[in-house]
Amino acid sequence: MEATVRLYTLNYNEVKTYMWAAIFVACNLVLPQVFHLIPQGGIIFSPLSLVILVGAYKFGWKTGLLAAVLSPLVNHLLTGMPMWSVLPVMTMKLAVLAIVAGLAAQHFKTVSLPLLIGVVLVCKAIEALGELILTGGIAATIADFTIGWPGLLLQVIGGYLIIRYLLKQ
């Protein structure tokens, strides 16, 4: 199940980069509110990650990175979530996802389920190391697998479907 899609590598000197990053930040304001209607929905499904994965994969790591840095900060300033103490780790995790997803898309120029599984697993490994450095523990990364496995599936399957079918333009 591999599909060739139109992928972009936008740069910081292009208006489209900021336009798409703003759209992804806006999506990351709305989507978590929907998932927070489910008890522990934010922890279980990690909705910010889905948007960052799709954005970085479709429009490049620079657009994804911009959205990854701004999304948790804007969310915190407007909604109080994520908590200030979690902000650095969450931002690091989203930044890693944006860079890995964007570089994978740029390199492979295609999307497939095995490729997205690889992207998510590589991200989790790098994130675990980053979290260990930032916090001295990897409890949240372990929770990503024990509690958040539906979110990982959502990233892979949902990301694949969105990239392949909804963003072919």
N, C-alpha and C. Protein backbone atom coordinates (compact mmCIF):
# COMPACT_ATOMS: atom_id res chain seq x y z
N MET A 1 0.83 -1.17 0.00
CA MET A 1 0.00 0.00 0.00
C MET A 1 0.87 1.24 0.00
N GLU A 2 1.41 1.54 -1.13
CA GLU A 2 2.26 2.71 -1.28
C GLU A 2 1.62 3.67 -2.25
N ALA A 3 1.72 4.92 -1.97
CA ALA A 3 1.11 5.92 -2.85
C ALA A 3 2.08 7.07 -3.06
N THR A 4 2.14 7.52 -4.28
CA THR A 4 2.91 8.71 -4.57
C THR A 4 1.96 9.89 -4.45
N VAL A 5 2.35 10.86 -3.67
CA VAL A 5 1.53 12.04 -3.45
C VAL A 5 2.37 13.26 -3.76
N ARG A 6 1.71 14.36 -3.97
CA ARG A 6 2.41 15.61 -4.22
C ARG A 6 2.89 16.15 -2.88
N LEU A 7 4.20 16.13 -2.68
CA LEU A 7 4.80 16.61 -1.45
C LEU A 7 5.56 17.90 -1.74
N TYR A 8 5.64 18.77 -0.75
CA TYR A 8 6.29 20.05 -0.90
C TYR A 8 7.38 20.21 0.14
N THR A 9 8.38 20.99 -0.17
CA THR A 9 9.39 21.38 0.80
C THR A 9 9.42 22.89 0.82
N LEU A 10 8.62 23.45 1.69
CA LEU A 10 8.50 24.91 1.78
C LEU A 10 9.63 25.46 2.63
N ASN A 11 10.05 26.67 2.33
CA ASN A 11 11.12 27.34 3.05
C ASN A 11 10.57 28.52 3.85
N TYR A 12 11.39 29.03 4.76
CA TYR A 12 10.96 30.11 5.63
C TYR A 12 10.79 31.44 4.91
N ASN A 13 11.26 31.55 3.68
CA ASN A 13 11.08 32.80 2.93
C ASN A 13 9.82 32.76 2.06
N GLU A 14 8.98 31.75 2.23
CA GLU A 14 7.74 31.62 1.46
C GLU A 14 6.54 31.88 2.35
N VAL A 15 5.61 32.66 1.86
CA VAL A 15 4.39 32.98 2.61
C VAL A 15 3.59 31.71 2.89
N LYS A 16 3.60 30.77 1.94
CA LYS A 16 2.87 29.50 2.12
C LYS A 16 3.30 28.76 3.38
N THR A 17 4.58 28.85 3.73
CA THR A 17 5.08 28.19 4.94
C THR A 17 4.32 28.67 6.16
N TYR A 18 4.19 29.97 6.28
CA TYR A 18 3.53 30.57 7.45
C TYR A 18 2.02 30.36 7.41
N MET A 19 1.47 30.39 6.20
CA MET A 19 0.03 30.16 6.05
C MET A 19 -0.31 28.73 6.50
N TRP A 20 0.43 27.74 5.99
CA TRP A 20 0.16 26.36 6.38
C TRP A 20 0.46 26.11 7.85
N ALA A 21 1.54 26.69 8.34
CA ALA A 21 1.85 26.53 9.77
C ALA A 21 0.72 27.10 10.62
N ALA A 22 0.18 28.25 10.24
CA ALA A 22 -0.94 28.85 10.97
C ALA A 22 -2.18 27.95 10.91
N ILE A 23 -2.42 27.35 9.77
CA ILE A 23 -3.56 26.42 9.65
C ILE A 23 -3.36 25.23 10.57
N PHE A 24 -2.13 24.69 10.63
CA PHE A 24 -1.88 23.54 11.50
C PHE A 24 -1.97 23.93 12.97
N VAL A 25 -1.54 25.12 13.32
CA VAL A 25 -1.68 25.59 14.71
C VAL A 25 -3.16 25.72 15.05
N ALA A 26 -3.95 26.26 14.13
CA ALA A 26 -5.40 26.39 14.36
C ALA A 26 -6.04 25.00 14.52
N CYS A 27 -5.64 24.06 13.69
CA CYS A 27 -6.15 22.69 13.83
C CYS A 27 -5.76 22.12 15.19
N ASN A 28 -4.55 22.47 15.63
CA ASN A 28 -4.09 21.98 16.92
C ASN A 28 -4.72 22.71 18.10
N LEU A 29 -5.47 23.74 17.83
CA LEU A 29 -6.29 24.36 18.88
C LEU A 29 -7.64 23.64 18.99
N VAL A 30 -8.20 23.27 17.86
CA VAL A 30 -9.53 22.67 17.82
C VAL A 30 -9.50 21.17 18.13
N LEU A 31 -8.62 20.44 17.47
CA LEU A 31 -8.60 18.98 17.60
C LEU A 31 -8.43 18.50 19.04
N PRO A 32 -7.51 19.07 19.83
CA PRO A 32 -7.41 18.61 21.22
C PRO A 32 -8.69 18.82 22.02
N GLN A 33 -9.43 19.90 21.73
CA GLN A 33 -10.68 20.14 22.45
C GLN A 33 -11.66 19.00 22.20
N VAL A 34 -11.68 18.48 20.99
CA VAL A 34 -12.55 17.35 20.66
C VAL A 34 -12.10 16.10 21.41
N PHE A 35 -10.80 15.83 21.39
CA PHE A 35 -10.29 14.62 22.05
C PHE A 35 -10.36 14.72 23.57
N HIS A 36 -10.34 15.92 24.12
CA HIS A 36 -10.44 16.07 25.56
C HIS A 36 -11.87 15.82 26.07
N LEU A 37 -12.82 15.65 25.17
CA LEU A 37 -14.16 15.23 25.58
C LEU A 37 -14.15 13.77 26.04
N ILE A 38 -13.16 13.01 25.61
CA ILE A 38 -12.96 11.62 26.04
C ILE A 38 -12.05 11.67 27.27
N PRO A 39 -12.41 10.95 28.35
CA PRO A 39 -11.51 10.94 29.52
C PRO A 39 -10.10 10.51 29.12
N GLN A 40 -9.12 11.31 29.48
CA GLN A 40 -7.71 11.13 29.14
C GLN A 40 -7.48 11.08 27.63
N GLY A 41 -8.38 11.69 26.86
CA GLY A 41 -8.28 11.65 25.40
C GLY A 41 -7.01 12.26 24.84
N GLY A 42 -6.54 13.33 25.47
CA GLY A 42 -5.31 13.96 25.01
C GLY A 42 -4.11 13.06 25.18
N ILE A 43 -4.05 12.36 26.30
CA ILE A 43 -2.94 11.45 26.58
C ILE A 43 -3.03 10.21 25.69
N ILE A 44 -4.23 9.71 25.52
CA ILE A 44 -4.43 8.47 24.74
C ILE A 44 -4.18 8.70 23.25
N PHE A 45 -4.68 9.81 22.70
CA PHE A 45 -4.65 9.99 21.25
C PHE A 45 -3.61 10.97 20.73
N SER A 46 -3.01 11.78 21.57
CA SER A 46 -1.99 12.75 21.15
C SER A 46 -2.37 13.46 19.85
N PRO A 47 -3.48 14.20 19.86
CA PRO A 47 -3.96 14.79 18.60
C PRO A 47 -3.00 15.79 17.97
N LEU A 48 -2.18 16.48 18.76
CA LEU A 48 -1.22 17.41 18.17
C LEU A 48 -0.26 16.68 17.24
N SER A 49 0.12 15.48 17.61
CA SER A 49 1.08 14.71 16.82
C SER A 49 0.55 14.38 15.43
N LEU A 50 -0.72 14.06 15.33
CA LEU A 50 -1.31 13.72 14.03
C LEU A 50 -1.19 14.91 13.08
N VAL A 51 -1.54 16.08 13.54
CA VAL A 51 -1.50 17.28 12.71
C VAL A 51 -0.05 17.60 12.30
N ILE A 52 0.88 17.50 13.23
CA ILE A 52 2.28 17.80 12.94
C ILE A 52 2.84 16.78 11.94
N LEU A 53 2.52 15.52 12.13
CA LEU A 53 2.97 14.47 11.20
C LEU A 53 2.50 14.76 9.79
N VAL A 54 1.22 15.02 9.63
CA VAL A 54 0.65 15.30 8.30
C VAL A 54 1.25 16.58 7.72
N GLY A 55 1.32 17.62 8.53
CA GLY A 55 1.84 18.89 8.04
C GLY A 55 3.29 18.80 7.59
N ALA A 56 4.12 18.17 8.40
CA ALA A 56 5.54 18.05 8.05
C ALA A 56 5.74 17.13 6.86
N TYR A 57 4.96 16.06 6.81
CA TYR A 57 5.10 15.12 5.70
C TYR A 57 4.68 15.76 4.39
N LYS A 58 3.60 16.50 4.42
CA LYS A 58 3.06 17.09 3.20
C LYS A 58 3.80 18.35 2.77
N PHE A 59 4.19 19.21 3.73
CA PHE A 59 4.74 20.52 3.39
C PHE A 59 6.20 20.72 3.80
N GLY A 60 6.84 19.70 4.33
CA GLY A 60 8.25 19.78 4.66
C GLY A 60 8.51 20.02 6.14
N TRP A 61 9.73 19.71 6.51
CA TRP A 61 10.09 19.77 7.93
C TRP A 61 10.08 21.20 8.47
N LYS A 62 10.35 22.19 7.64
CA LYS A 62 10.38 23.57 8.14
C LYS A 62 8.98 24.04 8.52
N THR A 63 8.00 23.73 7.69
CA THR A 63 6.62 24.08 8.02
C THR A 63 6.17 23.30 9.25
N GLY A 64 6.49 22.01 9.27
CA GLY A 64 6.15 21.18 10.42
C GLY A 64 6.80 21.65 11.70
N LEU A 65 8.06 22.05 11.61
CA LEU A 65 8.78 22.51 12.79
C LEU A 65 8.18 23.81 13.33
N LEU A 66 7.84 24.70 12.44
CA LEU A 66 7.20 25.95 12.86
C LEU A 66 5.89 25.66 13.59
N ALA A 67 5.07 24.79 13.03
CA ALA A 67 3.80 24.41 13.68
C ALA A 67 4.06 23.65 14.98
N ALA A 68 5.10 22.83 15.01
CA ALA A 68 5.42 22.04 16.21
C ALA A 68 5.84 22.92 17.37
N VAL A 69 6.55 23.98 17.09
CA VAL A 69 7.00 24.89 18.16
C VAL A 69 5.85 25.79 18.61
N LEU A 70 5.06 26.26 17.66
CA LEU A 70 3.99 27.21 17.99
C LEU A 70 2.75 26.54 18.59
N SER A 71 2.41 25.34 18.16
CA SER A 71 1.16 24.70 18.60
C SER A 71 1.04 24.55 20.11
N PRO A 72 2.02 23.93 20.79
CA PRO A 72 1.86 23.80 22.25
C PRO A 72 1.88 25.15 22.96
N LEU A 73 2.68 26.09 22.46
CA LEU A 73 2.77 27.41 23.09
C LEU A 73 1.45 28.17 22.95
N VAL A 74 0.90 28.20 21.74
CA VAL A 74 -0.38 28.88 21.52
C VAL A 74 -1.49 28.20 22.32
N ASN A 75 -1.50 26.86 22.33
CA ASN A 75 -2.48 26.12 23.12
C ASN A 75 -2.38 26.50 24.59
N HIS A 76 -1.16 26.56 25.10
CA HIS A 76 -0.97 26.90 26.51
C HIS A 76 -1.46 28.32 26.81
N LEU A 77 -1.11 29.25 25.94
CA LEU A 77 -1.49 30.64 26.17
C LEU A 77 -3.00 30.85 26.09
N LEU A 78 -3.67 30.11 25.21
CA LEU A 78 -5.12 30.30 25.03
C LEU A 78 -5.99 29.39 25.90
N THR A 79 -5.49 28.20 26.22
CA THR A 79 -6.33 27.25 26.95
C THR A 79 -5.73 26.78 28.28
N GLY A 80 -4.46 27.10 28.51
CA GLY A 80 -3.81 26.63 29.73
C GLY A 80 -3.27 25.21 29.61
N MET A 81 -3.48 24.59 28.48
CA MET A 81 -3.00 23.23 28.25
C MET A 81 -2.11 23.22 27.02
N PRO A 82 -1.04 22.52 27.05
CA PRO A 82 -0.50 21.71 28.13
C PRO A 82 0.04 22.58 29.26
N MET A 83 0.19 21.96 30.41
CA MET A 83 0.73 22.67 31.56
C MET A 83 2.13 23.18 31.23
N TRP A 84 2.49 24.29 31.84
CA TRP A 84 3.79 24.92 31.59
C TRP A 84 4.94 23.93 31.80
N SER A 85 4.83 23.09 32.81
CA SER A 85 5.92 22.15 33.13
C SER A 85 6.11 21.09 32.04
N VAL A 86 5.07 20.82 31.26
CA VAL A 86 5.13 19.80 30.21
C VAL A 86 5.53 20.40 28.87
N LEU A 87 5.44 21.70 28.75
CA LEU A 87 5.66 22.39 27.48
C LEU A 87 7.00 22.08 26.81
N PRO A 88 8.13 22.11 27.53
CA PRO A 88 9.40 21.84 26.85
C PRO A 88 9.48 20.42 26.26
N VAL A 89 9.03 19.43 27.02
CA VAL A 89 9.10 18.05 26.53
C VAL A 89 8.15 17.85 25.36
N MET A 90 6.93 18.40 25.46
CA MET A 90 5.97 18.26 24.37
C MET A 90 6.49 18.95 23.11
N THR A 91 7.05 20.12 23.26
CA THR A 91 7.60 20.85 22.11
C THR A 91 8.73 20.06 21.47
N MET A 92 9.61 19.50 22.30
CA MET A 92 10.71 18.69 21.78
C MET A 92 10.18 17.49 21.00
N LYS A 93 9.18 16.81 21.55
CA LYS A 93 8.62 15.63 20.89
C LYS A 93 7.99 16.00 19.54
N LEU A 94 7.24 17.10 19.51
CA LEU A 94 6.61 17.52 18.26
C LEU A 94 7.67 17.98 17.25
N ALA A 95 8.72 18.64 17.73
CA ALA A 95 9.80 19.08 16.83
C ALA A 95 10.51 17.88 16.21
N VAL A 96 10.78 16.87 17.01
CA VAL A 96 11.40 15.65 16.49
C VAL A 96 10.51 15.02 15.43
N LEU A 97 9.22 14.92 15.72
CA LEU A 97 8.27 14.35 14.76
C LEU A 97 8.26 15.14 13.46
N ALA A 98 8.26 16.47 13.56
CA ALA A 98 8.24 17.31 12.36
C ALA A 98 9.49 17.10 11.52
N ILE A 99 10.63 17.06 12.15
CA ILE A 99 11.89 16.91 11.41
C ILE A 99 11.98 15.53 10.77
N VAL A 100 11.70 14.49 11.54
CA VAL A 100 11.81 13.12 11.01
C VAL A 100 10.79 12.89 9.90
N ALA A 101 9.54 13.30 10.11
CA ALA A 101 8.50 13.11 9.09
C ALA A 101 8.82 13.89 7.82
N GLY A 102 9.24 15.14 7.98
CA GLY A 102 9.56 15.97 6.83
C GLY A 102 10.74 15.44 6.04
N LEU A 103 11.78 14.99 6.75
CA LEU A 103 12.95 14.44 6.06
C LEU A 103 12.64 13.10 5.40
N ALA A 104 11.81 12.28 6.04
CA ALA A 104 11.42 11.00 5.43
C ALA A 104 10.64 11.23 4.14
N ALA A 105 9.72 12.17 4.18
CA ALA A 105 8.93 12.49 2.98
C ALA A 105 9.83 13.02 1.87
N GLN A 106 10.76 13.90 2.24
CA GLN A 106 11.68 14.49 1.27
C GLN A 106 12.56 13.41 0.64
N HIS A 107 13.00 12.46 1.45
CA HIS A 107 13.91 11.42 0.97
C HIS A 107 13.18 10.37 0.13
N PHE A 108 12.06 9.85 0.65
CA PHE A 108 11.38 8.73 -0.01
C PHE A 108 10.37 9.19 -1.07
N LYS A 109 9.87 10.42 -0.95
CA LYS A 109 8.92 11.00 -1.93
C LYS A 109 7.69 10.12 -2.17
N THR A 110 7.28 9.42 -1.14
CA THR A 110 6.10 8.57 -1.20
C THR A 110 5.56 8.39 0.21
N VAL A 111 4.40 7.80 0.32
CA VAL A 111 3.84 7.50 1.63
C VAL A 111 3.38 6.04 1.62
N SER A 112 3.67 5.35 2.70
CA SER A 112 3.21 3.97 2.87
C SER A 112 3.05 3.70 4.36
N LEU A 113 2.28 2.70 4.68
CA LEU A 113 2.10 2.35 6.10
C LEU A 113 3.42 1.94 6.75
N PRO A 114 4.23 1.07 6.12
CA PRO A 114 5.51 0.73 6.75
C PRO A 114 6.42 1.94 6.96
N LEU A 115 6.40 2.87 6.02
CA LEU A 115 7.22 4.06 6.16
C LEU A 115 6.75 4.91 7.34
N LEU A 116 5.44 5.09 7.49
CA LEU A 116 4.93 5.88 8.61
C LEU A 116 5.15 5.16 9.94
N ILE A 117 5.06 3.83 9.94
CA ILE A 117 5.40 3.08 11.17
C ILE A 117 6.85 3.36 11.54
N GLY A 118 7.73 3.32 10.55
CA GLY A 118 9.14 3.62 10.80
C GLY A 118 9.36 5.02 11.31
N VAL A 119 8.68 5.98 10.72
CA VAL A 119 8.79 7.38 11.16
C VAL A 119 8.38 7.50 12.63
N VAL A 120 7.25 6.92 12.98
CA VAL A 120 6.75 7.03 14.36
C VAL A 120 7.69 6.33 15.33
N LEU A 121 8.20 5.15 14.97
CA LEU A 121 9.10 4.42 15.88
C LEU A 121 10.45 5.12 16.03
N VAL A 122 11.00 5.66 14.95
CA VAL A 122 12.25 6.41 15.05
C VAL A 122 12.04 7.64 15.94
N CYS A 123 10.91 8.31 15.76
CA CYS A 123 10.60 9.47 16.60
C CYS A 123 10.54 9.08 18.06
N LYS A 124 9.87 8.00 18.36
CA LYS A 124 9.73 7.58 19.76
C LYS A 124 11.09 7.29 20.39
N ALA A 125 12.00 6.70 19.62
CA ALA A 125 13.34 6.41 20.14
C ALA A 125 14.10 7.71 20.43
N ILE A 126 14.06 8.65 19.49
CA ILE A 126 14.74 9.94 19.69
C ILE A 126 14.08 10.72 20.83
N GLU A 127 12.75 10.69 20.88
CA GLU A 127 12.02 11.39 21.93
C GLU A 127 12.36 10.84 23.31
N ALA A 128 12.51 9.52 23.42
CA ALA A 128 12.86 8.91 24.70
C ALA A 128 14.20 9.44 25.19
N LEU A 129 15.16 9.53 24.28
CA LEU A 129 16.47 10.06 24.64
C LEU A 129 16.35 11.54 25.03
N GLY A 130 15.61 12.30 24.25
CA GLY A 130 15.42 13.72 24.57
C GLY A 130 14.72 13.92 25.90
N GLU A 131 13.72 13.11 26.16
CA GLU A 131 13.01 13.23 27.43
C GLU A 131 13.91 12.86 28.61
N LEU A 132 14.73 11.86 28.42
CA LEU A 132 15.68 11.47 29.46
C LEU A 132 16.63 12.63 29.77
N ILE A 133 17.10 13.31 28.74
CA ILE A 133 18.00 14.45 28.93
C ILE A 133 17.27 15.61 29.61
N LEU A 134 16.04 15.91 29.15
CA LEU A 134 15.30 17.07 29.68
C LEU A 134 14.75 16.85 31.08
N THR A 135 14.31 15.63 31.38
CA THR A 135 13.61 15.41 32.65
C THR A 135 14.30 14.41 33.58
N GLY A 136 15.23 13.65 33.06
CA GLY A 136 15.87 12.62 33.87
C GLY A 136 15.06 11.34 33.92
N GLY A 137 13.94 11.27 33.19
CA GLY A 137 13.10 10.07 33.17
C GLY A 137 12.41 9.93 31.83
N ILE A 138 11.89 8.75 31.60
CA ILE A 138 11.20 8.51 30.34
C ILE A 138 9.77 8.00 30.57
N ALA A 139 9.19 8.40 31.69
CA ALA A 139 7.85 7.93 32.05
C ALA A 139 6.82 8.27 30.98
N ALA A 140 6.85 9.48 30.47
CA ALA A 140 5.86 9.88 29.46
C ALA A 140 6.05 9.12 28.16
N THR A 141 7.29 8.82 27.80
CA THR A 141 7.53 8.05 26.59
C THR A 141 7.03 6.63 26.76
N ILE A 142 7.22 6.05 27.92
CA ILE A 142 6.68 4.72 28.19
C ILE A 142 5.16 4.76 28.13
N ALA A 143 4.57 5.82 28.68
CA ALA A 143 3.11 5.99 28.62
C ALA A 143 2.62 6.14 27.18
N ASP A 144 3.46 6.69 26.30
CA ASP A 144 3.09 6.78 24.88
C ASP A 144 2.76 5.40 24.32
N PHE A 145 3.44 4.38 24.80
CA PHE A 145 3.20 3.02 24.32
C PHE A 145 2.13 2.29 25.13
N THR A 146 2.15 2.47 26.46
CA THR A 146 1.21 1.72 27.30
C THR A 146 -0.19 2.32 27.29
N ILE A 147 -0.29 3.63 27.41
CA ILE A 147 -1.58 4.30 27.40
C ILE A 147 -1.90 4.86 26.02
N GLY A 148 -0.87 5.37 25.35
CA GLY A 148 -1.08 6.10 24.11
C GLY A 148 -1.00 5.30 22.83
N TRP A 149 -1.05 3.97 22.92
CA TRP A 149 -0.96 3.18 21.68
C TRP A 149 -2.08 3.50 20.69
N PRO A 150 -3.31 3.86 21.13
CA PRO A 150 -4.30 4.26 20.12
C PRO A 150 -3.87 5.51 19.36
N GLY A 151 -3.17 6.42 20.03
CA GLY A 151 -2.67 7.62 19.37
C GLY A 151 -1.59 7.31 18.35
N LEU A 152 -0.75 6.32 18.67
CA LEU A 152 0.28 5.91 17.71
C LEU A 152 -0.37 5.29 16.47
N LEU A 153 -1.40 4.49 16.69
CA LEU A 153 -2.15 3.92 15.56
C LEU A 153 -2.83 5.03 14.76
N LEU A 154 -3.38 6.01 15.46
CA LEU A 154 -4.02 7.14 14.79
C LEU A 154 -3.01 7.90 13.93
N GLN A 155 -1.80 8.10 14.46
CA GLN A 155 -0.77 8.78 13.68
C GLN A 155 -0.45 8.00 12.40
N VAL A 156 -0.26 6.70 12.53
CA VAL A 156 0.13 5.89 11.37
C VAL A 156 -1.02 5.76 10.38
N ILE A 157 -2.15 5.25 10.84
CA ILE A 157 -3.27 4.98 9.93
C ILE A 157 -3.96 6.28 9.51
N GLY A 158 -4.26 7.13 10.47
CA GLY A 158 -4.89 8.41 10.15
C GLY A 158 -3.99 9.28 9.29
N GLY A 159 -2.70 9.33 9.66
CA GLY A 159 -1.75 10.10 8.87
C GLY A 159 -1.66 9.60 7.44
N TYR A 160 -1.61 8.29 7.29
CA TYR A 160 -1.56 7.69 5.96
C TYR A 160 -2.78 8.08 5.13
N LEU A 161 -3.96 7.91 5.73
CA LEU A 161 -5.19 8.22 5.00
C LEU A 161 -5.30 9.70 4.65
N ILE A 162 -4.94 10.54 5.58
CA ILE A 162 -5.02 11.99 5.33
C ILE A 162 -4.03 12.39 4.25
N ILE A 163 -2.79 11.94 4.38
CA ILE A 163 -1.77 12.31 3.40
C ILE A 163 -2.14 11.76 2.03
N ARG A 164 -2.59 10.53 1.99
CA ARG A 164 -2.85 9.88 0.71
C ARG A 164 -4.11 10.41 0.02
N TYR A 165 -5.19 10.54 0.76
CA TYR A 165 -6.47 10.85 0.12
C TYR A 165 -6.88 12.31 0.20
N LEU A 166 -6.69 12.94 1.35
CA LEU A 166 -7.21 14.29 1.51
C LEU A 166 -6.26 15.39 1.05
N LEU A 167 -4.99 15.08 0.96
CA LEU A 167 -4.02 16.12 0.63
C LEU A 167 -3.30 15.84 -0.69
N LYS A 168 -3.97 15.28 -1.64
CA LYS A 168 -3.33 14.98 -2.93
C LYS A 168 -3.12 16.21 -3.79
N GLN A 169 -3.47 17.35 -3.33
CA GLN A 169 -3.37 18.57 -4.14
C GLN A 169 -2.04 19.25 -3.98
